[in-house]
Structures are given as structure tokens and as C-alpha cells.
Amino acid sequence: MKKDTLKEFGKLFYDFAKIIFAIALITPAIKGDSISVTVILLTVVIVAIGTYTINKGAKDE
């Protein structure tokens, strides 16, 4: 893959993480439930994958 493509995939992972995090905060607030730790951990993992992908695309190979 090209470097720019990897960077864009990393940004896509960041966008997915933001959406998941927002849903994880808004839904429990409306229903009156507690925030799920599993969803927060999933968000952290997705951000880590995005960071890895961006860094891999930024490398000078």
C-alpha cells in the first residue's frame, strides 16, 4: 500500500473510534445506565490501531 493510503486508513480508524466513543457516552446518558467499560476499551484499541497505521504510513521506507 502507498504511504498516503495507510495514513488515510489510520484517520478512518480515528473517526470510527470517535463515533463509537460518542455513542458509548450518549446512549447511557439518555437511558440512565452506566457507561460500559468494554466499549471504552474497544475505543482505545481502535485508536491504537489507527495510530499504528498512521505511523506505518509516515515511515520513510
PDB file of N, CA and C in Angstrom:
ATOM      1  N   MET A   1       0.832  -1.181   0.000  1.00  0.00           N
ATOM      2  CA  MET A   1       0.000   0.000   0.000  1.00  0.00           C
ATOM      3  C   MET A   1       0.874   1.240   0.000  1.00  0.00           C
ATOM      4  N   LYS A   2       0.317   2.299  -0.526  1.00  0.00           N
ATOM      5  CA  LYS A   2       1.035   3.556  -0.529  1.00  0.00           C
ATOM      6  C   LYS A   2       0.969   4.193   0.855  1.00  0.00           C
ATOM      7  N   LYS A   3       1.942   5.059   1.117  1.00  0.00           N
ATOM      8  CA  LYS A   3       2.012   5.724   2.419  1.00  0.00           C
ATOM      9  C   LYS A   3       0.759   6.551   2.705  1.00  0.00           C
ATOM     10  N   ASP A   4       0.298   7.276   1.696  1.00  0.00           N
ATOM     11  CA  ASP A   4      -0.881   8.126   1.902  1.00  0.00           C
ATOM     12  C   ASP A   4      -2.129   7.294   2.201  1.00  0.00           C
ATOM     13  N   THR A   5      -2.215   6.127   1.584  1.00  0.00           N
ATOM     14  CA  THR A   5      -3.365   5.252   1.839  1.00  0.00           C
ATOM     15  C   THR A   5      -3.355   4.765   3.274  1.00  0.00           C
ATOM     16  N   LEU A   6      -2.192   4.392   3.779  1.00  0.00           N
ATOM     17  CA  LEU A   6      -2.100   3.940   5.171  1.00  0.00           C
ATOM     18  C   LEU A   6      -2.460   5.068   6.135  1.00  0.00           C
ATOM     19  N   LYS A   7      -2.013   6.268   5.836  1.00  0.00           N
ATOM     20  CA  LYS A   7      -2.364   7.405   6.693  1.00  0.00           C
ATOM     21  C   LYS A   7      -3.877   7.622   6.718  1.00  0.00           C
ATOM     22  N   GLU A   8      -4.507   7.516   5.561  1.00  0.00           N
ATOM     23  CA  GLU A   8      -5.953   7.720   5.497  1.00  0.00           C
ATOM     24  C   GLU A   8      -6.711   6.617   6.231  1.00  0.00           C
ATOM     25  N   PHE A   9      -6.210   5.376   6.165  1.00  0.00           N
ATOM     26  CA  PHE A   9      -6.831   4.296   6.944  1.00  0.00           C
ATOM     27  C   PHE A   9      -6.711   4.580   8.436  1.00  0.00           C
ATOM     28  N   GLY A  10      -5.583   5.109   8.858  1.00  0.00           N
ATOM     29  CA  GLY A  10      -5.409   5.479  10.258  1.00  0.00           C
ATOM     30  C   GLY A  10      -6.398   6.546  10.686  1.00  0.00           C
ATOM     31  N   LYS A  11      -6.611   7.534   9.821  1.00  0.00           N
ATOM     32  CA  LYS A  11      -7.591   8.578  10.121  1.00  0.00           C
ATOM     33  C   LYS A  11      -9.004   8.000  10.177  1.00  0.00           C
ATOM     34  N   LEU A  12      -9.273   7.016   9.322  1.00  0.00           N
ATOM     35  CA  LEU A  12     -10.574   6.356   9.333  1.00  0.00           C
ATOM     36  C   LEU A  12     -10.805   5.631  10.656  1.00  0.00           C
ATOM     37  N   PHE A  13      -9.764   4.955  11.168  1.00  0.00           N
ATOM     38  CA  PHE A  13      -9.879   4.303  12.470  1.00  0.00           C
ATOM     39  C   PHE A  13     -10.162   5.324  13.567  1.00  0.00           C
ATOM     40  N   TYR A  14      -9.495   6.494  13.502  1.00  0.00           N
ATOM     41  CA  TYR A  14      -9.765   7.552  14.471  1.00  0.00           C
ATOM     42  C   TYR A  14     -11.226   7.992  14.405  1.00  0.00           C
ATOM     43  N   ASP A  15     -11.750   8.144  13.191  1.00  0.00           N
ATOM     44  CA  ASP A  15     -13.146   8.559  13.042  1.00  0.00           C
ATOM     45  C   ASP A  15     -14.104   7.524  13.607  1.00  0.00           C
ATOM     46  N   PHE A  16     -13.832   6.242  13.342  1.00  0.00           N
ATOM     47  CA  PHE A  16     -14.658   5.177  13.922  1.00  0.00           C
ATOM     48  C   PHE A  16     -14.606   5.222  15.444  1.00  0.00           C
ATOM     49  N   ALA A  17     -13.422   5.444  15.991  1.00  0.00           N
ATOM     50  CA  ALA A  17     -13.274   5.497  17.450  1.00  0.00           C
ATOM     51  C   ALA A  17     -14.065   6.661  18.035  1.00  0.00           C
ATOM     52  N   LYS A  18     -14.053   7.806  17.358  1.00  0.00           N
ATOM     53  CA  LYS A  18     -14.815   8.956  17.847  1.00  0.00           C
ATOM     54  C   LYS A  18     -16.308   8.673  17.843  1.00  0.00           C
ATOM     55  N   ILE A  19     -16.783   8.017  16.790  1.00  0.00           N
ATOM     56  CA  ILE A  19     -18.209   7.694  16.705  1.00  0.00           C
ATOM     57  C   ILE A  19     -18.608   6.705  17.795  1.00  0.00           C
ATOM     58  N   ILE A  20     -17.814   5.660  17.967  1.00  0.00           N
ATOM     59  CA  ILE A  20     -18.108   4.647  18.990  1.00  0.00           C
ATOM     60  C   ILE A  20     -18.089   5.276  20.378  1.00  0.00           C
ATOM     61  N   PHE A  21     -17.100   6.135  20.633  1.00  0.00           N
ATOM     62  CA  PHE A  21     -16.995   6.784  21.936  1.00  0.00           C
ATOM     63  C   PHE A  21     -18.190   7.690  22.199  1.00  0.00           C
ATOM     64  N   ALA A  22     -18.620   8.429  21.179  1.00  0.00           N
ATOM     65  CA  ALA A  22     -19.775   9.315  21.346  1.00  0.00           C
ATOM     66  C   ALA A  22     -21.040   8.521  21.628  1.00  0.00           C
ATOM     67  N   ILE A  23     -21.230   7.429  20.905  1.00  0.00           N
ATOM     68  CA  ILE A  23     -22.403   6.588  21.147  1.00  0.00           C
ATOM     69  C   ILE A  23     -22.346   5.968  22.537  1.00  0.00           C
ATOM     70  N   ALA A  24     -21.140   5.577  22.961  1.00  0.00           N
ATOM     71  CA  ALA A  24     -20.983   4.977  24.292  1.00  0.00           C
ATOM     72  C   ALA A  24     -21.292   5.968  25.405  1.00  0.00           C
ATOM     73  N   LEU A  25     -21.128   7.246  25.151  1.00  0.00           N
ATOM     74  CA  LEU A  25     -21.431   8.253  26.171  1.00  0.00           C
ATOM     75  C   LEU A  25     -22.869   8.737  26.104  1.00  0.00           C
ATOM     76  N   ILE A  26     -23.401   8.907  24.907  1.00  0.00           N
ATOM     77  CA  ILE A  26     -24.740   9.476  24.752  1.00  0.00           C
ATOM     78  C   ILE A  26     -25.835   8.477  25.110  1.00  0.00           C
ATOM     79  N   THR A  27     -25.716   7.246  24.636  1.00  0.00           N
ATOM     80  CA  THR A  27     -26.761   6.243  24.874  1.00  0.00           C
ATOM     81  C   THR A  27     -27.005   5.984  26.364  1.00  0.00           C
ATOM     82  N   PRO A  28     -25.963   5.742  27.156  1.00  0.00           N
ATOM     83  CA  PRO A  28     -26.237   5.548  28.588  1.00  0.00           C
ATOM     84  C   PRO A  28     -26.783   6.796  29.272  1.00  0.00           C
ATOM     85  N   ALA A  29     -26.398   7.963  28.796  1.00  0.00           N
ATOM     86  CA  ALA A  29     -26.907   9.197  29.396  1.00  0.00           C
ATOM     87  C   ALA A  29     -28.412   9.324  29.168  1.00  0.00           C
ATOM     88  N   ILE A  30     -28.870   8.926  28.001  1.00  0.00           N
ATOM     89  CA  ILE A  30     -30.297   9.009  27.696  1.00  0.00           C
ATOM     90  C   ILE A  30     -31.081   7.949  28.462  1.00  0.00           C
ATOM     91  N   LYS A  31     -30.546   6.726  28.514  1.00  0.00           N
ATOM     92  CA  LYS A  31     -31.247   5.631  29.172  1.00  0.00           C
ATOM     93  C   LYS A  31     -31.084   5.645  30.693  1.00  0.00           C
ATOM     94  N   GLY A  32     -30.080   6.348  31.173  1.00  0.00           N
ATOM     95  CA  GLY A  32     -29.838   6.378  32.605  1.00  0.00           C
ATOM     96  C   GLY A  32     -28.989   5.215  33.093  1.00  0.00           C
ATOM     97  N   ASP A  33     -28.318   4.530  32.170  1.00  0.00           N
ATOM     98  CA  ASP A  33     -27.451   3.406  32.536  1.00  0.00           C
ATOM     99  C   ASP A  33     -26.033   3.906  32.796  1.00  0.00           C
ATOM    100  N   SER A  34     -25.165   2.981  33.200  1.00  0.00           N
ATOM    101  CA  SER A  34     -23.763   3.327  33.391  1.00  0.00           C
ATOM    102  C   SER A  34     -22.998   3.106  32.086  1.00  0.00           C
ATOM    103  N   ILE A  35     -21.866   3.760  31.985  1.00  0.00           N
ATOM    104  CA  ILE A  35     -21.038   3.657  30.781  1.00  0.00           C
ATOM    105  C   ILE A  35     -20.318   2.314  30.783  1.00  0.00           C
ATOM    106  N   SER A  36     -20.319   1.651  29.646  1.00  0.00           N
ATOM    107  CA  SER A  36     -19.712   0.337  29.515  1.00  0.00           C
ATOM    108  C   SER A  36     -18.194   0.457  29.383  1.00  0.00           C
ATOM    109  N   VAL A  37     -17.491  -0.258  30.227  1.00  0.00           N
ATOM    110  CA  VAL A  37     -16.031  -0.266  30.189  1.00  0.00           C
ATOM    111  C   VAL A  37     -15.548  -0.980  28.931  1.00  0.00           C
ATOM    112  N   THR A  38     -16.281  -1.968  28.475  1.00  0.00           N
ATOM    113  CA  THR A  38     -15.898  -2.718  27.286  1.00  0.00           C
ATOM    114  C   THR A  38     -15.839  -1.814  26.058  1.00  0.00           C
ATOM    115  N   VAL A  39     -16.796  -0.933  25.931  1.00  0.00           N
ATOM    116  CA  VAL A  39     -16.822  -0.027  24.784  1.00  0.00           C
ATOM    117  C   VAL A  39     -15.663   0.959  24.864  1.00  0.00           C
ATOM    118  N   ILE A  40     -15.342   1.419  26.063  1.00  0.00           N
ATOM    119  CA  ILE A  40     -14.210   2.329  26.237  1.00  0.00           C
ATOM    120  C   ILE A  40     -12.908   1.623  25.856  1.00  0.00           C
ATOM    121  N   LEU A  41     -12.738   0.379  26.267  1.00  0.00           N
ATOM    122  CA  LEU A  41     -11.543  -0.382  25.902  1.00  0.00           C
ATOM    123  C   LEU A  41     -11.482  -0.627  24.397  1.00  0.00           C
ATOM    124  N   LEU A  42     -12.620  -0.906  23.786  1.00  0.00           N
ATOM    125  CA  LEU A  42     -12.671  -1.078  22.338  1.00  0.00           C
ATOM    126  C   LEU A  42     -12.231   0.202  21.638  1.00  0.00           C
ATOM    127  N   THR A  43     -12.664   1.335  22.144  1.00  0.00           N
ATOM    128  CA  THR A  43     -12.270   2.618  21.572  1.00  0.00           C
ATOM    129  C   THR A  43     -10.767   2.826  21.678  1.00  0.00           C
ATOM    130  N   VAL A  44     -10.191   2.474  22.808  1.00  0.00           N
ATOM    131  CA  VAL A  44      -8.739   2.611  23.000  1.00  0.00           C
ATOM    132  C   VAL A  44      -7.986   1.718  22.021  1.00  0.00           C
ATOM    133  N   VAL A  45      -8.474   0.505  21.816  1.00  0.00           N
ATOM    134  CA  VAL A  45      -7.822  -0.418  20.879  1.00  0.00           C
ATOM    135  C   VAL A  45      -7.897   0.126  19.453  1.00  0.00           C
ATOM    136  N   ILE A  46      -9.037   0.663  19.067  1.00  0.00           N
ATOM    137  CA  ILE A  46      -9.191   1.209  17.721  1.00  0.00           C
ATOM    138  C   ILE A  46      -8.278   2.423  17.520  1.00  0.00           C
ATOM    139  N   VAL A  47      -8.148   3.260  18.537  1.00  0.00           N
ATOM    140  CA  VAL A  47      -7.238   4.406  18.447  1.00  0.00           C
ATOM    141  C   VAL A  47      -5.795   3.924  18.313  1.00  0.00           C
ATOM    142  N   ALA A  48      -5.438   2.877  19.049  1.00  0.00           N
ATOM    143  CA  ALA A  48      -4.085   2.328  18.955  1.00  0.00           C
ATOM    144  C   ALA A  48      -3.812   1.783  17.553  1.00  0.00           C
ATOM    145  N   ILE A  49      -4.784   1.108  16.968  1.00  0.00           N
ATOM    146  CA  ILE A  49      -4.628   0.593  15.609  1.00  0.00           C
ATOM    147  C   ILE A  49      -4.481   1.759  14.627  1.00  0.00           C
ATOM    148  N   GLY A  50      -5.271   2.796  14.813  1.00  0.00           N
ATOM    149  CA  GLY A  50      -5.171   3.972  13.952  1.00  0.00           C
ATOM    150  C   GLY A  50      -3.819   4.649  14.063  1.00  0.00           C
ATOM    151  N   THR A  51      -3.318   4.773  15.274  1.00  0.00           N
ATOM    152  CA  THR A  51      -2.007   5.378  15.484  1.00  0.00           C
ATOM    153  C   THR A  51      -0.917   4.548  14.824  1.00  0.00           C
ATOM    154  N   TYR A  52      -0.991   3.236  14.976  1.00  0.00           N
ATOM    155  CA  TYR A  52      -0.013   2.339  14.356  1.00  0.00           C
ATOM    156  C   TYR A  52      -0.051   2.473  12.834  1.00  0.00           C
ATOM    157  N   THR A  53      -1.239   2.525  12.278  1.00  0.00           N
ATOM    158  CA  THR A  53      -1.386   2.615  10.829  1.00  0.00           C
ATOM    159  C   THR A  53      -0.857   3.948  10.303  1.00  0.00           C
ATOM    160  N   ILE A  54      -1.141   5.029  11.010  1.00  0.00           N
ATOM    161  CA  ILE A  54      -0.626   6.339  10.595  1.00  0.00           C
ATOM    162  C   ILE A  54       0.897   6.356  10.669  1.00  0.00           C
ATOM    163  N   ASN A  55       1.446   5.825  11.747  1.00  0.00           N
ATOM    164  CA  ASN A  55       2.908   5.804  11.885  1.00  0.00           C
ATOM    165  C   ASN A  55       3.562   4.918  10.830  1.00  0.00           C
ATOM    166  N   LYS A  56       2.920   3.819  10.497  1.00  0.00           N
ATOM    167  CA  LYS A  56       3.463   2.944   9.456  1.00  0.00           C
ATOM    168  C   LYS A  56       3.425   3.652   8.095  1.00  0.00           C
ATOM    169  N   GLY A  57       2.406   4.443   7.845  1.00  0.00           N
ATOM    170  CA  GLY A  57       2.311   5.182   6.602  1.00  0.00           C
ATOM    171  C   GLY A  57       3.265   6.361   6.551  1.00  0.00           C
ATOM    172  N   ALA A  58       3.680   6.871   7.710  1.00  0.00           N
ATOM    173  CA  ALA A  58       4.586   8.010   7.765  1.00  0.00           C
ATOM    174  C   ALA A  58       6.045   7.616   7.697  1.00  0.00           C
ATOM    175  N   LYS A  59       6.335   6.337   7.838  1.00  0.00           N
ATOM    176  CA  LYS A  59       7.718   5.873   7.796  1.00  0.00           C
ATOM    177  C   LYS A  59       8.332   6.134   6.425  1.00  0.00           C
ATOM    178  N   ASP A  60       9.604   6.415   6.439  1.00  0.00           N
ATOM    179  CA  ASP A  60      10.348   6.544   5.184  1.00  0.00           C
ATOM    180  C   ASP A  60      10.942   5.182   4.857  1.00  0.00           C
ATOM    181  N   GLU A  61      10.319   4.506   3.932  1.00  0.00           N
ATOM    182  CA  GLU A  61      10.794   3.152   3.572  1.00  0.00           C
ATOM    183  C   GLU A  61      11.564   3.191   2.291  1.00  0.00           C
TER     184      GLU A  61
END
